[in-house]
């Protein structure tokens, strides 16, 4: 698992501490993993802060899973495809 993915998982677990989601498949959507819309918003805001990036509203619909968020962060940081 990449360092970015490890941090994303930690953010998700922190945001959902009352009811841990199923994160066994990083390609599974956040909702299918057990996050509600407030959890997803919290995760994305924390990711912005943690990785020092800005996620514009126009990109929100394309970031629906751990893998999608990881790829988005890599691209923003210049480390991805």
Protein backbone atom coordinates (compact mmCIF):
# COMPACT_ATOMS: atom_id res chain seq x y z
CA UNK A 1 0.00 0.00 0.00
CA UNK A 2 1.31 3.46 -0.86
CA UNK A 3 2.01 6.15 1.70
CA UNK A 4 -0.79 8.23 0.19
CA UNK A 5 -3.25 5.34 0.47
CA UNK A 6 -2.18 4.68 4.08
CA UNK A 7 -2.94 8.31 4.94
CA UNK A 8 -6.30 8.18 3.13
CA UNK A 9 -7.27 5.05 5.07
CA UNK A 10 -6.27 6.73 8.34
CA UNK A 11 -8.37 9.79 7.45
CA UNK A 12 -11.37 7.56 6.66
CA UNK A 13 -11.03 5.54 9.86
CA UNK A 14 -10.79 8.74 11.89
CA UNK A 15 -13.84 10.24 10.17
CA UNK A 16 -15.87 7.06 10.71
CA UNK A 17 -14.67 6.07 14.17
CA UNK A 18 -18.17 5.28 15.46
CA UNK A 19 -18.82 2.71 12.73
CA UNK A 20 -15.73 1.50 10.90
CA UNK A 21 -16.28 1.07 7.15
CA UNK A 22 -15.25 -1.93 5.06
CA UNK A 23 -12.04 -0.79 3.35
CA UNK A 24 -10.96 -4.21 2.07
CA UNK A 25 -11.40 -3.16 -1.58
CA UNK A 26 -9.92 0.27 -2.37
CA UNK A 27 -11.79 0.40 -5.67
CA UNK A 28 -15.18 0.10 -3.92
CA UNK A 29 -17.08 3.39 -3.74
CA UNK A 30 -17.04 5.30 -0.47
CA UNK A 31 -20.81 4.79 -0.13
CA UNK A 32 -20.57 1.03 -0.77
CA UNK A 33 -17.79 0.91 1.83
CA UNK A 34 -20.15 2.33 4.44
CA UNK A 35 -19.48 6.07 4.36
CA UNK A 36 -22.38 8.50 4.26
CA UNK A 37 -22.29 11.86 2.49
CA UNK A 38 -21.08 13.70 5.60
CA UNK A 39 -18.26 11.16 6.02
CA UNK A 40 -17.21 11.63 2.39
CA UNK A 41 -17.22 15.42 2.77
CA UNK A 42 -15.12 15.14 5.93
CA UNK A 43 -12.66 12.77 4.23
CA UNK A 44 -12.23 15.06 1.23
CA UNK A 45 -11.74 18.14 3.42
CA UNK A 46 -9.17 16.32 5.56
CA UNK A 47 -7.40 15.09 2.42
CA UNK A 48 -7.15 18.67 1.18
CA UNK A 49 -5.54 19.69 4.45
CA UNK A 50 -3.30 16.64 4.84
CA UNK A 51 -1.96 16.71 1.28
CA UNK A 52 -2.03 20.50 0.86
CA UNK A 53 -4.25 20.36 -2.22
CA UNK A 54 -7.51 21.99 -3.29
CA UNK A 55 -10.30 19.86 -4.69
CA UNK A 56 -12.64 22.07 -6.74
CA UNK A 57 -16.36 21.29 -6.70
CA UNK A 58 -16.13 20.32 -10.37
CA UNK A 59 -13.86 17.37 -9.45
CA UNK A 60 -15.87 16.00 -6.53
CA UNK A 61 -17.98 13.56 -8.57
CA UNK A 62 -14.87 11.91 -10.00
CA UNK A 63 -13.48 11.08 -6.55
CA UNK A 64 -15.65 8.27 -5.27
CA UNK A 65 -13.23 5.68 -3.90
CA UNK A 66 -9.90 5.30 -2.15
CA UNK A 67 -8.21 4.52 -5.48
CA UNK A 68 -9.79 7.53 -7.18
CA UNK A 69 -8.74 9.83 -4.33
CA UNK A 70 -5.22 8.39 -4.34
CA UNK A 71 -4.90 8.94 -8.11
CA UNK A 72 -6.28 12.48 -7.79
CA UNK A 73 -3.77 13.36 -5.06
CA UNK A 74 -0.89 11.87 -7.05
CA UNK A 75 -1.92 13.91 -10.08
CA UNK A 76 -2.21 17.11 -8.02
CA UNK A 77 1.18 16.50 -6.46
CA UNK A 78 2.75 15.69 -9.84
CA UNK A 79 3.42 12.06 -8.89
CA UNK A 80 0.79 10.38 -11.03
CA UNK A 81 -0.16 9.73 -14.63
